[in-house]
PDB file of all heavy atoms in Angstrom:
ATOM      1  N   LEU A   1      -4.024 -16.560   2.976  1.00  0.00           N
ATOM      2  CA  LEU A   1      -4.196 -15.838   1.725  1.00  0.00           C
ATOM      3  C   LEU A   1      -4.956 -16.674   0.703  1.00  0.00           C
ATOM      4  O   LEU A   1      -5.809 -16.157  -0.024  1.00  0.00           O
ATOM      5  CB  LEU A   1      -2.831 -15.439   1.164  1.00  0.00           C
ATOM      6  CG  LEU A   1      -2.849 -14.549  -0.094  1.00  0.00           C
ATOM      7  CD1 LEU A   1      -3.592 -13.245   0.189  1.00  0.00           C
ATOM      8  CD2 LEU A   1      -1.433 -14.262  -0.563  1.00  0.00           C
ATOM      9  N   ALA A   2      -4.662 -17.984   0.676  1.00  0.00           N
ATOM     10  CA  ALA A   2      -5.378 -18.862  -0.251  1.00  0.00           C
ATOM     11  C   ALA A   2      -6.859 -18.941   0.099  1.00  0.00           C
ATOM     12  O   ALA A   2      -7.723 -18.929  -0.785  1.00  0.00           O
ATOM     13  CB  ALA A   2      -4.745 -20.249  -0.235  1.00  0.00           C
ATOM     14  N   LEU A   3      -7.168 -19.024   1.390  1.00  0.00           N
ATOM     15  CA  LEU A   3      -8.572 -19.049   1.804  1.00  0.00           C
ATOM     16  C   LEU A   3      -9.277 -17.742   1.441  1.00  0.00           C
ATOM     17  O   LEU A   3     -10.441 -17.740   1.016  1.00  0.00           O
ATOM     18  CB  LEU A   3      -8.664 -19.290   3.321  1.00  0.00           C
ATOM     19  CG  LEU A   3      -8.308 -20.699   3.811  1.00  0.00           C
ATOM     20  CD1 LEU A   3      -8.275 -20.731   5.339  1.00  0.00           C
ATOM     21  CD2 LEU A   3      -9.308 -21.717   3.286  1.00  0.00           C
ATOM     22  N   TYR A   4      -8.549 -16.634   1.615  1.00  0.00           N
ATOM     23  CA  TYR A   4      -9.158 -15.334   1.306  1.00  0.00           C
ATOM     24  C   TYR A   4      -9.447 -15.204  -0.187  1.00  0.00           C
ATOM     25  O   TYR A   4     -10.498 -14.682  -0.590  1.00  0.00           O
ATOM     26  CB  TYR A   4      -8.218 -14.224   1.763  1.00  0.00           C
ATOM     27  CG  TYR A   4      -8.738 -12.835   1.460  1.00  0.00           C
ATOM     28  CD1 TYR A   4      -9.739 -12.259   2.239  1.00  0.00           C
ATOM     29  CD2 TYR A   4      -8.215 -12.100   0.399  1.00  0.00           C
ATOM     30  CE1 TYR A   4     -10.221 -10.988   1.955  1.00  0.00           C
ATOM     31  CE2 TYR A   4      -8.686 -10.825   0.112  1.00  0.00           C
ATOM     32  CZ  TYR A   4      -9.688 -10.278   0.896  1.00  0.00           C
ATOM     33  OH  TYR A   4     -10.158  -9.022   0.617  1.00  0.00           O
ATOM     34  N   LEU A   5      -8.515 -15.686  -1.016  1.00  0.00           N
ATOM     35  CA  LEU A   5      -8.700 -15.570  -2.466  1.00  0.00           C
ATOM     36  C   LEU A   5      -9.818 -16.463  -2.983  1.00  0.00           C
ATOM     37  O   LEU A   5     -10.344 -16.219  -4.073  1.00  0.00           O
ATOM     38  CB  LEU A   5      -7.385 -15.906  -3.183  1.00  0.00           C
ATOM     39  CG  LEU A   5      -6.230 -14.927  -2.961  1.00  0.00           C
ATOM     40  CD1 LEU A   5      -4.979 -15.416  -3.673  1.00  0.00           C
ATOM     41  CD2 LEU A   5      -6.603 -13.523  -3.425  1.00  0.00           C
ATOM     42  N   GLN A   6     -10.184 -17.493  -2.225  1.00  0.00           N
ATOM     43  CA  GLN A   6     -11.239 -18.401  -2.665  1.00  0.00           C
ATOM     44  C   GLN A   6     -12.630 -17.990  -2.172  1.00  0.00           C
ATOM     45  O   GLN A   6     -13.614 -18.649  -2.478  1.00  0.00           O
ATOM     46  CB  GLN A   6     -10.937 -19.819  -2.161  1.00  0.00           C
ATOM     47  CG  GLN A   6      -9.673 -20.428  -2.767  1.00  0.00           C
ATOM     48  CD  GLN A   6      -9.339 -21.773  -2.163  1.00  0.00           C
ATOM     49  OE1 GLN A   6     -10.227 -22.484  -1.695  1.00  0.00           O
ATOM     50  NE2 GLN A   6      -8.065 -22.125  -2.151  1.00  0.00           N
ATOM     51  N   THR A   7     -12.696 -16.912  -1.412  1.00  0.00           N
ATOM     52  CA  THR A   7     -13.994 -16.449  -0.914  1.00  0.00           C
ATOM     53  C   THR A   7     -14.729 -15.669  -2.000  1.00  0.00           C
ATOM     54  O   THR A   7     -14.177 -15.329  -3.050  1.00  0.00           O
ATOM     55  CB  THR A   7     -13.805 -15.554   0.327  1.00  0.00           C
ATOM     56  OG1 THR A   7     -12.928 -14.460  -0.009  1.00  0.00           O
ATOM     57  CG2 THR A   7     -13.197 -16.341   1.470  1.00  0.00           C
ATOM     58  N   THR A   8     -15.961 -15.369  -1.711  1.00  0.00           N
ATOM     59  CA  THR A   8     -16.781 -14.640  -2.681  1.00  0.00           C
ATOM     60  C   THR A   8     -16.406 -13.161  -2.699  1.00  0.00           C
ATOM     61  O   THR A   8     -15.779 -12.644  -1.763  1.00  0.00           O
ATOM     62  CB  THR A   8     -18.271 -14.776  -2.319  1.00  0.00           C
ATOM     63  OG1 THR A   8     -18.494 -14.208  -1.023  1.00  0.00           O
ATOM     64  CG2 THR A   8     -18.679 -16.247  -2.305  1.00  0.00           C
ATOM     65  N   VAL A   9     -16.802 -12.501  -3.768  1.00  0.00           N
ATOM     66  CA  VAL A   9     -16.517 -11.069  -3.893  1.00  0.00           C
ATOM     67  C   VAL A   9     -17.248 -10.288  -2.805  1.00  0.00           C
ATOM     68  O   VAL A   9     -16.711  -9.318  -2.251  1.00  0.00           O
ATOM     69  CB  VAL A   9     -16.934 -10.574  -5.291  1.00  0.00           C
ATOM     70  CG1 VAL A   9     -16.728  -9.064  -5.396  1.00  0.00           C
ATOM     71  CG2 VAL A   9     -16.162 -11.308  -6.380  1.00  0.00           C
ATOM     72  N   GLU A  10     -18.468 -10.694  -2.492  1.00  0.00           N
ATOM     73  CA  GLU A  10     -19.228 -10.005  -1.442  1.00  0.00           C
ATOM     74  C   GLU A  10     -18.499 -10.094  -0.097  1.00  0.00           C
ATOM     75  O   GLU A  10     -18.435  -9.116   0.657  1.00  0.00           O
ATOM     76  CB  GLU A  10     -20.630 -10.620  -1.321  1.00  0.00           C
ATOM     77  CG  GLU A  10     -21.532 -10.366  -2.508  1.00  0.00           C
ATOM     78  CD  GLU A  10     -21.214 -11.272  -3.676  1.00  0.00           C
ATOM     79  OE1 GLU A  10     -20.381 -12.205  -3.496  1.00  0.00           O
ATOM     80  OE2 GLU A  10     -21.778 -11.034  -4.773  1.00  0.00           O
ATOM     81  N   PHE A  11     -17.963 -11.274   0.202  1.00  0.00           N
ATOM     82  CA  PHE A  11     -17.239 -11.425   1.463  1.00  0.00           C
ATOM     83  C   PHE A  11     -15.975 -10.568   1.474  1.00  0.00           C
ATOM     84  O   PHE A  11     -15.628  -9.956   2.494  1.00  0.00           O
ATOM     85  CB  PHE A  11     -16.881 -12.905   1.681  1.00  0.00           C
ATOM     86  CG  PHE A  11     -16.060 -13.146   2.917  1.00  0.00           C
ATOM     87  CD1 PHE A  11     -16.650 -13.214   4.171  1.00  0.00           C
ATOM     88  CD2 PHE A  11     -14.675 -13.291   2.833  1.00  0.00           C
ATOM     89  CE1 PHE A  11     -15.896 -13.430   5.312  1.00  0.00           C
ATOM     90  CE2 PHE A  11     -13.914 -13.496   3.963  1.00  0.00           C
ATOM     91  CZ  PHE A  11     -14.520 -13.565   5.207  1.00  0.00           C
ATOM     92  N   GLN A  12     -15.261 -10.510   0.348  1.00  0.00           N
ATOM     93  CA  GLN A  12     -14.039  -9.709   0.275  1.00  0.00           C
ATOM     94  C   GLN A  12     -14.334  -8.223   0.439  1.00  0.00           C
ATOM     95  O   GLN A  12     -13.524  -7.476   0.995  1.00  0.00           O
ATOM     96  CB  GLN A  12     -13.327  -9.971  -1.053  1.00  0.00           C
ATOM     97  CG  GLN A  12     -12.780 -11.388  -1.173  1.00  0.00           C
ATOM     98  CD  GLN A  12     -12.107 -11.642  -2.503  1.00  0.00           C
ATOM     99  OE1 GLN A  12     -11.938 -10.729  -3.316  1.00  0.00           O
ATOM    100  NE2 GLN A  12     -11.736 -12.899  -2.746  1.00  0.00           N
ATOM    101  N   ASP A  13     -15.508  -7.789  -0.053  1.00  0.00           N
ATOM    102  CA  ASP A  13     -15.890  -6.395   0.123  1.00  0.00           C
ATOM    103  C   ASP A  13     -16.197  -6.078   1.581  1.00  0.00           C
ATOM    104  O   ASP A  13     -15.908  -4.976   2.073  1.00  0.00           O
ATOM    105  CB  ASP A  13     -17.111  -6.073  -0.746  1.00  0.00           C
ATOM    106  CG  ASP A  13     -16.772  -6.084  -2.224  1.00  0.00           C
ATOM    107  OD1 ASP A  13     -15.575  -5.896  -2.549  1.00  0.00           O
ATOM    108  OD2 ASP A  13     -17.690  -6.290  -3.046  1.00  0.00           O
ATOM    109  N   GLU A  14     -16.787  -7.058   2.290  1.00  0.00           N
ATOM    110  CA  GLU A  14     -17.154  -6.843   3.683  1.00  0.00           C
ATOM    111  C   GLU A  14     -15.967  -7.038   4.638  1.00  0.00           C
ATOM    112  O   GLU A  14     -15.967  -6.495   5.737  1.00  0.00           O
ATOM    113  CB  GLU A  14     -18.277  -7.806   4.071  1.00  0.00           C
ATOM    114  CG  GLU A  14     -19.578  -7.568   3.311  1.00  0.00           C
ATOM    115  CD  GLU A  14     -20.632  -8.595   3.662  1.00  0.00           C
ATOM    116  OE1 GLU A  14     -20.316  -9.510   4.482  1.00  0.00           O
ATOM    117  OE2 GLU A  14     -21.763  -8.510   3.130  1.00  0.00           O
ATOM    118  N   MET A  15     -14.966  -7.795   4.198  1.00  0.00           N
ATOM    119  CA  MET A  15     -13.813  -8.098   5.054  1.00  0.00           C
ATOM    120  C   MET A  15     -12.845  -6.922   5.045  1.00  0.00           C
ATOM    121  O   MET A  15     -12.303  -6.561   3.999  1.00  0.00           O
ATOM    122  CB  MET A  15     -13.100  -9.351   4.538  1.00  0.00           C
ATOM    123  CG  MET A  15     -11.851  -9.726   5.316  1.00  0.00           C
ATOM    124  SD  MET A  15     -12.264 -10.382   6.939  1.00  0.00           S
ATOM    125  CE  MET A  15     -10.635 -10.919   7.482  1.00  0.00           C
ATOM    126  N   PRO A  16     -12.607  -6.279   6.201  1.00  0.00           N
ATOM    127  CA  PRO A  16     -11.658  -5.154   6.228  1.00  0.00           C
ATOM    128  C   PRO A  16     -10.256  -5.620   5.844  1.00  0.00           C
ATOM    129  O   PRO A  16      -9.741  -6.591   6.404  1.00  0.00           O
ATOM    130  CB  PRO A  16     -11.700  -4.700   7.696  1.00  0.00           C
ATOM    131  CG  PRO A  16     -12.979  -5.249   8.242  1.00  0.00           C
ATOM    132  CD  PRO A  16     -13.227  -6.529   7.505  1.00  0.00           C
ATOM    133  N   ILE A  17      -9.648  -4.956   4.865  1.00  0.00           N
ATOM    134  CA  ILE A  17      -8.328  -5.350   4.399  1.00  0.00           C
ATOM    135  C   ILE A  17      -7.274  -5.179   5.490  1.00  0.00           C
ATOM    136  O   ILE A  17      -6.294  -5.924   5.564  1.00  0.00           O
ATOM    137  CB  ILE A  17      -7.942  -4.550   3.134  1.00  0.00           C
ATOM    138  CG1 ILE A  17      -6.685  -5.131   2.497  1.00  0.00           C
ATOM    139  CG2 ILE A  17      -7.760  -3.083   3.480  1.00  0.00           C
ATOM    140  CD1 ILE A  17      -6.850  -6.533   1.983  1.00  0.00           C
ATOM    141  N   GLY A  18      -7.505  -4.208   6.364  1.00  0.00           N
ATOM    142  CA  GLY A  18      -6.550  -4.002   7.453  1.00  0.00           C
ATOM    143  C   GLY A  18      -6.551  -5.155   8.441  1.00  0.00           C
ATOM    144  O   GLY A  18      -5.514  -5.485   9.033  1.00  0.00           O
ATOM    145  N   LYS A  19      -7.705  -5.783   8.629  1.00  0.00           N
ATOM    146  CA  LYS A  19      -7.795  -6.925   9.543  1.00  0.00           C
ATOM    147  C   LYS A  19      -7.006  -8.107   9.004  1.00  0.00           C
ATOM    148  O   LYS A  19      -6.271  -8.771   9.742  1.00  0.00           O
ATOM    149  CB  LYS A  19      -9.260  -7.308   9.738  1.00  0.00           C
ATOM    150  CG  LYS A  19      -9.504  -8.331  10.830  1.00  0.00           C
ATOM    151  CD  LYS A  19     -10.996  -8.553  11.050  1.00  0.00           C
ATOM    152  CE  LYS A  19     -11.246  -9.506  12.207  1.00  0.00           C
ATOM    153  NZ  LYS A  19     -12.698  -9.730  12.444  1.00  0.00           N
ATOM    154  N   LEU A  20      -7.124  -8.374   7.713  1.00  0.00           N
ATOM    155  CA  LEU A  20      -6.372  -9.467   7.102  1.00  0.00           C
ATOM    156  C   LEU A  20      -4.874  -9.163   7.086  1.00  0.00           C
ATOM    157  O   LEU A  20      -4.043 -10.027   7.410  1.00  0.00           O
ATOM    158  CB  LEU A  20      -6.869  -9.712   5.682  1.00  0.00           C
ATOM    159  CG  LEU A  20      -6.158 -10.813   4.908  1.00  0.00           C
ATOM    160  CD1 LEU A  20      -6.365 -12.160   5.584  1.00  0.00           C
ATOM    161  CD2 LEU A  20      -6.635 -10.867   3.460  1.00  0.00           C
ATOM    162  N   ALA A  21      -4.514  -7.933   6.721  1.00  0.00           N
ATOM    163  CA  ALA A  21      -3.102  -7.562   6.689  1.00  0.00           C
ATOM    164  C   ALA A  21      -2.481  -7.629   8.083  1.00  0.00           C
ATOM    165  O   ALA A  21      -1.333  -8.061   8.247  1.00  0.00           O
ATOM    166  CB  ALA A  21      -2.941  -6.155   6.103  1.00  0.00           C
ATOM    167  N   GLY A  22      -3.244  -7.200   9.088  1.00  0.00           N
ATOM    168  CA  GLY A  22      -2.744  -7.278  10.452  1.00  0.00           C
ATOM    169  C   GLY A  22      -2.506  -8.705  10.900  1.00  0.00           C
ATOM    170  O   GLY A  22      -1.525  -9.009  11.592  1.00  0.00           O
ATOM    171  N   SER A  23      -3.399  -9.593  10.497  1.00  0.00           N
ATOM    172  CA  SER A  23      -3.228 -11.004  10.846  1.00  0.00           C
ATOM    173  C   SER A  23      -1.997 -11.593  10.172  1.00  0.00           C
ATOM    174  O   SER A  23      -1.222 -12.321  10.784  1.00  0.00           O
ATOM    175  CB  SER A  23      -4.470 -11.801  10.444  1.00  0.00           C
ATOM    176  OG  SER A  23      -5.604 -11.346  11.152  1.00  0.00           O
ATOM    177  N   LEU A  24      -1.798 -11.272   8.886  1.00  0.00           N
ATOM    178  CA  LEU A  24      -0.664 -11.825   8.151  1.00  0.00           C
ATOM    179  C   LEU A  24       0.667 -11.292   8.653  1.00  0.00           C
ATOM    180  O   LEU A  24       1.667 -12.014   8.666  1.00  0.00           O
ATOM    181  CB  LEU A  24      -0.819 -11.528   6.652  1.00  0.00           C
ATOM    182  CG  LEU A  24      -1.992 -12.204   5.939  1.00  0.00           C
ATOM    183  CD1 LEU A  24      -2.085 -11.727   4.500  1.00  0.00           C
ATOM    184  CD2 LEU A  24      -1.846 -13.711   5.984  1.00  0.00           C
ATOM    185  N   SER A  25       0.703 -10.037   9.064  1.00  0.00           N
ATOM    186  CA  SER A  25       1.981  -9.416   9.413  1.00  0.00           C
ATOM    187  C   SER A  25       2.349  -9.547  10.889  1.00  0.00           C
ATOM    188  O   SER A  25       3.540  -9.665  11.225  1.00  0.00           O
ATOM    189  CB  SER A  25       1.957  -7.932   9.033  1.00  0.00           C
ATOM    190  OG  SER A  25       0.916  -7.267   9.741  1.00  0.00           O
ATOM    191  N   THR A  26       1.362  -9.546  11.782  1.00  0.00           N
ATOM    192  CA  THR A  26       1.685  -9.545  13.209  1.00  0.00           C
ATOM    193  C   THR A  26       1.168 -10.764  13.956  1.00  0.00           C
ATOM    194  O   THR A  26       1.876 -11.360  14.772  1.00  0.00           O
ATOM    195  CB  THR A  26       1.121  -8.278  13.879  1.00  0.00           C
ATOM    196  OG1 THR A  26      -0.305  -8.256  13.720  1.00  0.00           O
ATOM    197  CG2 THR A  26       1.728  -7.029  13.287  1.00  0.00           C
ATOM    198  N   GLU A  27      -0.071 -11.160  13.679  1.00  0.00           N
ATOM    199  CA  GLU A  27      -0.672 -12.248  14.442  1.00  0.00           C
ATOM    200  C   GLU A  27      -0.096 -13.614  14.081  1.00  0.00           C
ATOM    201  O   GLU A  27       0.016 -14.491  14.938  1.00  0.00           O
ATOM    202  CB  GLU A  27      -2.187 -12.257  14.235  1.00  0.00           C
ATOM    203  CG  GLU A  27      -2.895 -11.035  14.787  1.00  0.00           C
ATOM    204  CD  GLU A  27      -2.760 -10.916  16.291  1.00  0.00           C
ATOM    205  OE1 GLU A  27      -2.692 -11.963  16.957  1.00  0.00           O
ATOM    206  OE2 GLU A  27      -2.710  -9.791  16.800  1.00  0.00           O
ATOM    207  N   VAL A  28       0.263 -13.811  12.816  1.00  0.00           N
ATOM    208  CA  VAL A  28       0.815 -15.107  12.410  1.00  0.00           C
ATOM    209  C   VAL A  28       2.134 -15.406  13.114  1.00  0.00           C
ATOM    210  O   VAL A  28       2.317 -16.507  13.640  1.00  0.00           O
ATOM    211  CB  VAL A  28       0.966 -15.165  10.871  1.00  0.00           C
ATOM    212  CG1 VAL A  28       1.756 -16.405  10.460  1.00  0.00           C
ATOM    213  CG2 VAL A  28      -0.409 -15.195  10.215  1.00  0.00           C
ATOM    214  N   PRO A  29       3.110 -14.473  13.159  1.00  0.00           N
ATOM    215  CA  PRO A  29       4.333 -14.765  13.914  1.00  0.00           C
ATOM    216  C   PRO A  29       4.079 -15.032  15.401  1.00  0.00           C
ATOM    217  O   PRO A  29       4.737 -15.892  16.001  1.00  0.00           O
ATOM    218  CB  PRO A  29       5.180 -13.496  13.721  1.00  0.00           C
ATOM    219  CG  PRO A  29       4.695 -12.909  12.440  1.00  0.00           C
ATOM    220  CD  PRO A  29       3.225 -13.195  12.418  1.00  0.00           C
ATOM    221  N   LYS A  30       3.118 -14.303  15.995  1.00  0.00           N
ATOM    222  CA  LYS A  30       2.788 -14.548  17.405  1.00  0.00           C
ATOM    223  C   LYS A  30       2.214 -15.950  17.587  1.00  0.00           C
ATOM    224  O   LYS A  30       2.500 -16.620  18.584  1.00  0.00           O
ATOM    225  CB  LYS A  30       1.793 -13.497  17.896  1.00  0.00           C
ATOM    226  CG  LYS A  30       2.370 -12.094  17.997  1.00  0.00           C
ATOM    227  CD  LYS A  30       1.315 -11.111  18.488  1.00  0.00           C
ATOM    228  CE  LYS A  30       1.874  -9.695  18.574  1.00  0.00           C
ATOM    229  NZ  LYS A  30       0.852  -8.721  19.034  1.00  0.00           N
ATOM    230  N   ALA A  31       1.402 -16.389  16.625  1.00  0.00           N
ATOM    231  CA  ALA A  31       0.824 -17.728  16.709  1.00  0.00           C
ATOM    232  C   ALA A  31       1.907 -18.796  16.607  1.00  0.00           C
ATOM    233  O   ALA A  31       1.854 -19.823  17.295  1.00  0.00           O
ATOM    234  CB  ALA A  31      -0.208 -17.918  15.604  1.00  0.00           C
ATOM    235  N   ALA A  32       2.914 -18.557  15.753  1.00  0.00           N
ATOM    236  CA  ALA A  32       4.014 -19.520  15.623  1.00  0.00           C
ATOM    237  C   ALA A  32       4.803 -19.621  16.922  1.00  0.00           C
ATOM    238  O   ALA A  32       5.218 -20.704  17.339  1.00  0.00           O
ATOM    239  CB  ALA A  32       4.930 -19.112  14.476  1.00  0.00           C
ATOM    240  N   VAL A  33       5.009 -18.476  17.579  1.00  0.00           N
ATOM    241  CA  VAL A  33       5.700 -18.489  18.874  1.00  0.00           C
ATOM    242  C   VAL A  33       4.871 -19.242  19.911  1.00  0.00           C
ATOM    243  O   VAL A  33       5.407 -19.999  20.739  1.00  0.00           O
ATOM    244  CB  VAL A  33       5.986 -17.043  19.343  1.00  0.00           C
ATOM    245  CG1 VAL A  33       6.542 -17.045  20.766  1.00  0.00           C
ATOM    246  CG2 VAL A  33       6.974 -16.369  18.396  1.00  0.00           C
ATOM    247  N   ALA A  34       3.548 -19.042  19.867  1.00  0.00           N
ATOM    248  CA  ALA A  34       2.665 -19.723  20.825  1.00  0.00           C
ATOM    249  C   ALA A  34       2.696 -21.232  20.635  1.00  0.00           C
ATOM    250  O   ALA A  34       2.594 -21.990  21.601  1.00  0.00           O
ATOM    251  CB  ALA A  34       1.244 -19.199  20.685  1.00  0.00           C
ATOM    252  N   VAL A  35       2.836 -21.684  19.394  1.00  0.00           N
ATOM    253  CA  VAL A  35       2.910 -23.113  19.133  1.00  0.00           C
ATOM    254  C   VAL A  35       4.126 -23.731  19.824  1.00  0.00           C
ATOM    255  O   VAL A  35       4.080 -24.866  20.301  1.00  0.00           O
ATOM    256  CB  VAL A  35       2.964 -23.374  17.612  1.00  0.00           C
ATOM    257  CG1 VAL A  35       3.336 -24.822  17.315  1.00  0.00           C
ATOM    258  CG2 VAL A  35       1.624 -23.044  16.979  1.00  0.00           C
ATOM    259  N   PHE A  36       5.223 -22.962  19.900  1.00  0.00           N
ATOM    260  CA  PHE A  36       6.455 -23.483  20.491  1.00  0.00           C
ATOM    261  C   PHE A  36       6.500 -23.327  22.007  1.00  0.00           C
ATOM    262  O   PHE A  36       7.465 -23.758  22.635  1.00  0.00           O
ATOM    263  CB  PHE A  36       7.678 -22.780  19.879  1.00  0.00           C
ATOM    264  CG  PHE A  36       8.190 -23.456  18.653  1.00  0.00           C
ATOM    265  CD1 PHE A  36       7.623 -23.217  17.414  1.00  0.00           C
ATOM    266  CD2 PHE A  36       9.238 -24.360  18.737  1.00  0.00           C
ATOM    267  CE1 PHE A  36       8.088 -23.848  16.285  1.00  0.00           C
ATOM    268  CE2 PHE A  36       9.716 -24.995  17.614  1.00  0.00           C
ATOM    269  CZ  PHE A  36       9.143 -24.738  16.376  1.00  0.00           C
ATOM    270  N   ALA A  37       5.479 -22.712  22.593  1.00  0.00           N
ATOM    271  CA  ALA A  37       5.474 -22.554  24.052  1.00  0.00           C
ATOM    272  C   ALA A  37       5.519 -23.901  24.776  1.00  0.00           C
ATOM    273  O   ALA A  37       6.315 -24.073  25.712  1.00  0.00           O
ATOM    274  CB  ALA A  37       4.248 -21.736  24.479  1.00  0.00           C
ATOM    275  N   PRO A  38       4.697 -24.898  24.388  1.00  0.00           N
ATOM    276  CA  PRO A  38       4.818 -26.204  25.058  1.00  0.00           C
ATOM    277  C   PRO A  38       6.172 -26.857  24.846  1.00  0.00           C
ATOM    278  O   PRO A  38       6.676 -27.562  25.728  1.00  0.00           O
ATOM    279  CB  PRO A  38       3.694 -27.036  24.413  1.00  0.00           C
ATOM    280  CG  PRO A  38       2.738 -26.033  23.865  1.00  0.00           C
ATOM    281  CD  PRO A  38       3.573 -24.876  23.442  1.00  0.00           C
ATOM    282  N   VAL A  39       6.777 -26.622  23.669  1.00  0.00           N
ATOM    283  CA  VAL A  39       8.097 -27.190  23.399  1.00  0.00           C
ATOM    284  C   VAL A  39       9.140 -26.583  24.337  1.00  0.00           C
ATOM    285  O   VAL A  39       9.977 -27.290  24.905  1.00  0.00           O
ATOM    286  CB  VAL A  39       8.492 -26.955  21.924  1.00  0.00           C
ATOM    287  CG1 VAL A  39       9.889 -27.517  21.646  1.00  0.00           C
ATOM    288  CG2 VAL A  39       7.472 -27.590  20.994  1.00  0.00           C
ATOM    289  N   GLU A  40       9.093 -25.267  24.503  1.00  0.00           N
ATOM    290  CA  GLU A  40      10.025 -24.612  25.414  1.00  0.00           C
ATOM    291  C   GLU A  40       9.813 -25.084  26.849  1.00  0.00           C
ATOM    292  O   GLU A  40      10.775 -25.254  27.611  1.00  0.00           O
ATOM    293  CB  GLU A  40       9.843 -23.088  25.328  1.00  0.00           C
ATOM    294  CG  GLU A  40      10.281 -22.486  23.998  1.00  0.00           C
ATOM    295  CD  GLU A  40      11.765 -22.673  23.742  1.00  0.00           C
ATOM    296  OE1 GLU A  40      12.549 -22.615  24.718  1.00  0.00           O
ATOM    297  OE2 GLU A  40      12.138 -22.894  22.582  1.00  0.00           O
ATOM    298  N   LEU A  41       8.556 -25.305  27.215  1.00  0.00           N
ATOM    299  CA  LEU A  41       8.268 -25.820  28.555  1.00  0.00           C
ATOM    300  C   LEU A  41       8.884 -27.202  28.739  1.00  0.00           C
ATOM    301  O   LEU A  41       9.473 -27.500  29.784  1.00  0.00           O
ATOM    302  CB  LEU A  41       6.762 -25.871  28.775  1.00  0.00           C
ATOM    303  CG  LEU A  41       6.291 -26.380  30.153  1.00  0.00           C
ATOM    304  CD1 LEU A  41       6.814 -25.473  31.257  1.00  0.00           C
ATOM    305  CD2 LEU A  41       4.769 -26.464  30.200  1.00  0.00           C
TER     306      LEU A  41
END
């Protein structure tokens, strides 16, 4: 979110809001689980 807020207005207009929201709500938790995969192994 901090990186997104520091981007230019043109980039924010071109960036689909659904793509960012999807990453924050679903992809981030999956990434955290993936980080722990080697630990579980």
